[in-house]
């Protein structure tokens, strides 16, 4: 599990609740969950690569129809597109990546 915390949350106990994570976010940023299907043999190397990408706040290996769920926060939709299309989709072993943008209701 990877966590990248803003400075104001560094002293908090992990894991953070979803509410704490969302409250720490900049209101003007784009937040998204990225659901990744991956080759099981490549999951470790994908997780290592994800840990180097700016904008990724958490990444977890999970059970179910997806193998990895990423929570990302980036300044705008262009940065989100670059993260998903140029970086995540280009990783060896990534079969599919579905981006779910967070909305407020």
N, C-alpha and C. Protein backbone atom coordinates (compact mmCIF):
# COMPACT_ATOMS: atom_id res chain seq x y z
N UNK A 1 0.84 -1.15 0.00
CA UNK A 1 0.00 0.00 0.00
C UNK A 1 0.90 1.23 0.00
N UNK A 2 0.59 2.20 -0.83
CA UNK A 2 1.36 3.43 -0.92
C UNK A 2 0.53 4.60 -0.43
N UNK A 3 1.11 5.46 0.40
CA UNK A 3 0.43 6.67 0.85
C UNK A 3 1.34 7.86 0.62
N UNK A 4 0.79 8.91 0.04
CA UNK A 4 1.49 10.17 -0.12
C UNK A 4 0.64 11.21 0.56
N UNK A 5 1.11 11.76 1.67
CA UNK A 5 0.30 12.65 2.49
C UNK A 5 0.72 14.09 2.33
N UNK A 6 -0.28 14.98 2.32
CA UNK A 6 0.07 16.40 2.41
C UNK A 6 0.65 16.67 3.80
N UNK A 7 1.43 17.72 3.89
CA UNK A 7 2.13 18.00 5.14
C UNK A 7 1.20 18.10 6.35
N UNK A 8 -0.02 18.65 6.16
CA UNK A 8 -0.92 18.81 7.30
C UNK A 8 -1.43 17.48 7.85
N UNK A 9 -1.23 16.38 7.12
CA UNK A 9 -1.70 15.08 7.59
C UNK A 9 -0.57 14.15 8.01
N UNK A 10 0.67 14.60 7.95
CA UNK A 10 1.80 13.72 8.24
C UNK A 10 1.78 13.14 9.65
N UNK A 11 1.19 13.85 10.61
CA UNK A 11 1.15 13.37 11.99
C UNK A 11 -0.04 12.49 12.29
N UNK A 12 -0.94 12.27 11.33
CA UNK A 12 -2.14 11.46 11.55
C UNK A 12 -1.80 9.98 11.50
N UNK A 13 -2.61 9.21 12.18
CA UNK A 13 -2.48 7.76 12.19
C UNK A 13 -2.97 7.18 10.84
N UNK A 14 -2.23 6.24 10.28
CA UNK A 14 -2.66 5.57 9.05
C UNK A 14 -3.34 4.27 9.40
N UNK A 15 -4.27 3.75 8.64
CA UNK A 15 -4.73 4.35 7.39
C UNK A 15 -5.72 5.48 7.66
N UNK A 16 -5.78 6.40 6.72
CA UNK A 16 -6.72 7.51 6.80
C UNK A 16 -8.08 7.05 6.31
N UNK A 17 -9.12 7.64 6.84
CA UNK A 17 -10.45 7.36 6.32
C UNK A 17 -10.60 8.11 5.00
N UNK A 18 -11.54 7.70 4.19
CA UNK A 18 -11.78 8.37 2.92
C UNK A 18 -12.14 9.83 3.17
N UNK A 19 -12.93 10.11 4.19
CA UNK A 19 -13.31 11.49 4.51
C UNK A 19 -12.08 12.34 4.82
N UNK A 20 -11.14 11.80 5.61
CA UNK A 20 -9.91 12.55 5.94
C UNK A 20 -9.08 12.81 4.70
N UNK A 21 -9.00 11.83 3.82
CA UNK A 21 -8.22 11.98 2.60
C UNK A 21 -8.83 13.04 1.70
N UNK A 22 -10.14 13.01 1.53
CA UNK A 22 -10.81 13.98 0.67
C UNK A 22 -10.78 15.39 1.27
N UNK A 23 -10.91 15.49 2.59
CA UNK A 23 -10.87 16.79 3.24
C UNK A 23 -9.51 17.46 3.10
N UNK A 24 -8.46 16.67 2.96
CA UNK A 24 -7.12 17.22 2.86
C UNK A 24 -6.81 17.73 1.46
N UNK A 25 -7.69 17.49 0.53
CA UNK A 25 -7.45 17.81 -0.86
C UNK A 25 -7.72 19.27 -1.17
N UNK A 26 -7.01 19.77 -2.15
CA UNK A 26 -7.23 21.11 -2.66
C UNK A 26 -8.55 21.11 -3.44
N UNK A 27 -9.43 22.06 -3.14
CA UNK A 27 -10.75 22.11 -3.78
C UNK A 27 -10.66 22.25 -5.30
N UNK A 28 -9.62 22.87 -5.81
CA UNK A 28 -9.53 23.10 -7.25
C UNK A 28 -8.89 21.94 -8.00
N UNK A 29 -8.42 20.95 -7.30
CA UNK A 29 -7.75 19.83 -7.97
C UNK A 29 -8.77 18.81 -8.48
N UNK A 30 -8.30 17.97 -9.40
CA UNK A 30 -9.09 16.86 -9.94
C UNK A 30 -8.69 15.61 -9.16
N UNK A 31 -9.68 14.92 -8.61
CA UNK A 31 -9.44 13.69 -7.88
C UNK A 31 -10.07 12.54 -8.65
N UNK A 32 -9.39 11.40 -8.67
CA UNK A 32 -9.92 10.26 -9.42
C UNK A 32 -9.42 8.95 -8.83
N UNK A 33 -10.25 7.93 -8.99
CA UNK A 33 -9.84 6.56 -8.72
C UNK A 33 -9.54 5.92 -10.07
N UNK A 34 -8.44 5.20 -10.14
CA UNK A 34 -8.05 4.53 -11.37
C UNK A 34 -8.02 3.04 -11.06
N UNK A 35 -8.89 2.30 -11.74
CA UNK A 35 -9.05 0.87 -11.52
C UNK A 35 -8.24 0.14 -12.58
N UNK A 36 -7.27 -0.64 -12.15
CA UNK A 36 -6.31 -1.25 -13.08
C UNK A 36 -6.44 -2.77 -13.08
N UNK A 37 -6.56 -3.33 -14.29
CA UNK A 37 -6.43 -4.77 -14.48
C UNK A 37 -5.00 -5.00 -14.96
N UNK A 38 -4.32 -5.95 -14.33
CA UNK A 38 -2.91 -6.15 -14.63
C UNK A 38 -2.55 -7.63 -14.73
N UNK A 39 -1.45 -7.88 -15.42
CA UNK A 39 -0.87 -9.22 -15.46
C UNK A 39 -0.33 -9.49 -14.05
N UNK A 40 -0.78 -10.57 -13.41
CA UNK A 40 -0.34 -10.85 -12.03
C UNK A 40 1.17 -10.88 -11.85
N UNK A 41 1.90 -11.30 -12.87
CA UNK A 41 3.35 -11.36 -12.78
C UNK A 41 3.99 -9.97 -12.74
N UNK A 42 3.27 -8.96 -13.19
CA UNK A 42 3.82 -7.61 -13.28
C UNK A 42 3.34 -6.66 -12.18
N UNK A 43 2.49 -7.14 -11.26
CA UNK A 43 1.90 -6.26 -10.25
C UNK A 43 2.97 -5.58 -9.40
N UNK A 44 3.99 -6.30 -8.97
CA UNK A 44 5.03 -5.69 -8.14
C UNK A 44 5.74 -4.57 -8.88
N UNK A 45 6.08 -4.77 -10.14
CA UNK A 45 6.78 -3.73 -10.89
C UNK A 45 5.86 -2.56 -11.21
N UNK A 46 4.57 -2.83 -11.41
CA UNK A 46 3.60 -1.74 -11.63
C UNK A 46 3.49 -0.89 -10.36
N UNK A 47 3.40 -1.53 -9.21
CA UNK A 47 3.30 -0.79 -7.94
C UNK A 47 4.55 0.06 -7.72
N UNK A 48 5.70 -0.47 -8.05
CA UNK A 48 6.94 0.29 -7.91
C UNK A 48 6.92 1.52 -8.82
N UNK A 49 6.49 1.34 -10.06
CA UNK A 49 6.41 2.47 -10.99
C UNK A 49 5.38 3.50 -10.52
N UNK A 50 4.24 3.05 -10.04
CA UNK A 50 3.21 3.97 -9.56
C UNK A 50 3.73 4.84 -8.42
N UNK A 51 4.62 4.29 -7.60
CA UNK A 51 5.15 5.04 -6.47
C UNK A 51 6.01 6.22 -6.91
N UNK A 52 6.40 6.25 -8.18
CA UNK A 52 7.24 7.35 -8.68
C UNK A 52 6.43 8.42 -9.42
N UNK A 53 5.14 8.20 -9.65
CA UNK A 53 4.34 9.12 -10.44
C UNK A 53 3.76 10.23 -9.58
N UNK A 54 4.02 11.46 -9.97
CA UNK A 54 3.47 12.61 -9.26
C UNK A 54 1.95 12.62 -9.41
N UNK A 55 1.28 12.91 -8.32
CA UNK A 55 -0.18 12.99 -8.32
C UNK A 55 -0.86 11.78 -7.74
N UNK A 56 -0.14 10.66 -7.63
CA UNK A 56 -0.75 9.47 -7.05
C UNK A 56 -0.64 9.57 -5.54
N UNK A 57 -1.80 9.52 -4.88
CA UNK A 57 -1.85 9.65 -3.41
C UNK A 57 -1.80 8.27 -2.73
N UNK A 58 -2.54 7.30 -3.28
CA UNK A 58 -2.50 5.93 -2.74
C UNK A 58 -2.60 4.95 -3.90
N UNK A 59 -2.09 3.75 -3.66
CA UNK A 59 -2.24 2.65 -4.61
C UNK A 59 -2.30 1.37 -3.79
N UNK A 60 -3.31 0.55 -4.06
CA UNK A 60 -3.50 -0.69 -3.31
C UNK A 60 -3.73 -1.85 -4.26
N UNK A 61 -3.13 -2.98 -3.95
CA UNK A 61 -3.42 -4.23 -4.64
C UNK A 61 -4.67 -4.79 -3.96
N UNK A 62 -5.68 -5.17 -4.77
CA UNK A 62 -6.97 -5.58 -4.23
C UNK A 62 -7.43 -6.89 -4.86
N UNK A 63 -8.44 -7.49 -4.25
CA UNK A 63 -9.10 -8.66 -4.84
C UNK A 63 -10.31 -8.18 -5.61
N UNK A 64 -10.85 -9.03 -6.46
CA UNK A 64 -12.03 -8.67 -7.23
C UNK A 64 -11.70 -8.51 -8.70
N UNK A 65 -12.56 -7.80 -9.43
CA UNK A 65 -12.37 -7.70 -10.88
C UNK A 65 -11.16 -6.85 -11.28
N UNK A 66 -10.66 -6.01 -10.38
CA UNK A 66 -9.47 -5.20 -10.66
C UNK A 66 -8.35 -5.64 -9.75
N UNK A 67 -7.13 -5.39 -10.17
CA UNK A 67 -5.96 -5.83 -9.41
C UNK A 67 -5.35 -4.72 -8.56
N UNK A 68 -5.46 -3.47 -9.04
CA UNK A 68 -4.88 -2.33 -8.34
C UNK A 68 -5.90 -1.19 -8.39
N UNK A 69 -6.07 -0.50 -7.26
CA UNK A 69 -6.89 0.71 -7.25
C UNK A 69 -6.00 1.86 -6.80
N UNK A 70 -5.98 2.90 -7.62
CA UNK A 70 -5.15 4.08 -7.38
C UNK A 70 -6.06 5.25 -7.06
N UNK A 71 -5.65 6.08 -6.09
CA UNK A 71 -6.32 7.35 -5.84
C UNK A 71 -5.33 8.43 -6.24
N UNK A 72 -5.75 9.29 -7.17
CA UNK A 72 -4.87 10.35 -7.68
C UNK A 72 -5.50 11.71 -7.48
N UNK A 73 -4.64 12.70 -7.29
CA UNK A 73 -5.08 14.09 -7.20
C UNK A 73 -4.10 14.92 -8.02
N UNK A 74 -4.63 15.58 -9.04
CA UNK A 74 -3.80 16.36 -9.95
C UNK A 74 -4.43 17.74 -10.14
N UNK A 75 -3.65 18.71 -10.63
CA UNK A 75 -4.17 20.08 -10.75
C UNK A 75 -5.33 20.25 -11.72
N UNK A 76 -5.33 19.48 -12.82
CA UNK A 76 -6.38 19.69 -13.83
C UNK A 76 -6.57 18.43 -14.67
N UNK A 77 -7.57 18.48 -15.57
CA UNK A 77 -7.90 17.30 -16.38
C UNK A 77 -6.77 16.93 -17.33
N UNK A 78 -5.98 17.91 -17.75
CA UNK A 78 -4.87 17.61 -18.66
C UNK A 78 -3.82 16.76 -17.95
N UNK A 79 -3.53 17.10 -16.70
CA UNK A 79 -2.57 16.31 -15.93
C UNK A 79 -3.11 14.91 -15.66
N UNK A 80 -4.42 14.80 -15.43
CA UNK A 80 -5.02 13.48 -15.24
C UNK A 80 -4.86 12.65 -16.51
N UNK A 81 -5.15 13.26 -17.65
CA UNK A 81 -4.98 12.56 -18.92
C UNK A 81 -3.55 12.09 -19.14
N UNK A 82 -2.58 12.96 -18.84
CA UNK A 82 -1.17 12.59 -19.00
C UNK A 82 -0.80 11.44 -18.06
N UNK A 83 -1.30 11.51 -16.82
CA UNK A 83 -1.01 10.45 -15.86
C UNK A 83 -1.54 9.11 -16.33
N UNK A 84 -2.81 9.09 -16.73
CA UNK A 84 -3.44 7.82 -17.10
C UNK A 84 -2.96 7.32 -18.46
N UNK A 85 -2.99 8.18 -19.47
CA UNK A 85 -2.67 7.74 -20.83
C UNK A 85 -1.17 7.56 -21.05
N UNK A 86 -0.39 8.56 -20.67
CA UNK A 86 1.04 8.50 -20.96
C UNK A 86 1.82 7.63 -19.98
N UNK A 87 1.41 7.61 -18.73
CA UNK A 87 2.20 6.89 -17.74
C UNK A 87 1.61 5.52 -17.39
N UNK A 88 0.37 5.49 -16.88
CA UNK A 88 -0.18 4.22 -16.39
C UNK A 88 -0.41 3.24 -17.54
N UNK A 89 -1.06 3.69 -18.62
CA UNK A 89 -1.32 2.78 -19.74
C UNK A 89 -0.05 2.28 -20.40
N UNK A 90 1.05 3.01 -20.26
CA UNK A 90 2.29 2.59 -20.91
C UNK A 90 3.08 1.57 -20.10
N UNK A 91 2.66 1.31 -18.86
CA UNK A 91 3.39 0.35 -18.03
C UNK A 91 3.20 -1.07 -18.54
N UNK A 92 4.30 -1.80 -18.58
CA UNK A 92 4.23 -3.20 -18.99
C UNK A 92 3.39 -3.98 -17.97
N UNK A 93 2.42 -4.73 -18.47
CA UNK A 93 1.56 -5.53 -17.61
C UNK A 93 0.21 -4.91 -17.33
N UNK A 94 0.02 -3.62 -17.65
CA UNK A 94 -1.29 -3.00 -17.47
C UNK A 94 -2.16 -3.40 -18.65
N UNK A 95 -3.25 -4.11 -18.36
CA UNK A 95 -4.17 -4.57 -19.40
C UNK A 95 -5.29 -3.56 -19.65
N UNK A 96 -5.74 -2.91 -18.57
CA UNK A 96 -6.86 -1.98 -18.66
C UNK A 96 -6.78 -1.02 -17.48
N UNK A 97 -7.16 0.23 -17.72
CA UNK A 97 -7.22 1.22 -16.65
C UNK A 97 -8.48 2.05 -16.84
N UNK A 98 -9.37 1.98 -15.88
CA UNK A 98 -10.63 2.72 -15.90
C UNK A 98 -10.48 3.90 -14.94
N UNK A 99 -10.77 5.10 -15.41
CA UNK A 99 -10.65 6.30 -14.59
C UNK A 99 -12.04 6.75 -14.13
N UNK A 100 -12.20 6.89 -12.82
CA UNK A 100 -13.45 7.34 -12.22
C UNK A 100 -13.18 8.65 -11.49
N UNK A 101 -13.63 9.77 -12.07
CA UNK A 101 -13.39 11.08 -11.49
C UNK A 101 -14.36 11.32 -10.33
N UNK A 102 -13.83 11.85 -9.23
CA UNK A 102 -14.65 12.15 -8.06
C UNK A 102 -15.49 13.39 -8.34
N UNK A 103 -16.78 13.31 -8.02
CA UNK A 103 -17.68 14.46 -8.17
C UNK A 103 -18.32 14.73 -6.82
N UNK A 104 -18.72 15.97 -6.61
CA UNK A 104 -19.43 16.33 -5.38
C UNK A 104 -20.91 16.44 -5.70
N UNK A 105 -21.74 15.88 -4.82
CA UNK A 105 -23.20 15.98 -5.03
C UNK A 105 -23.85 16.61 -3.82
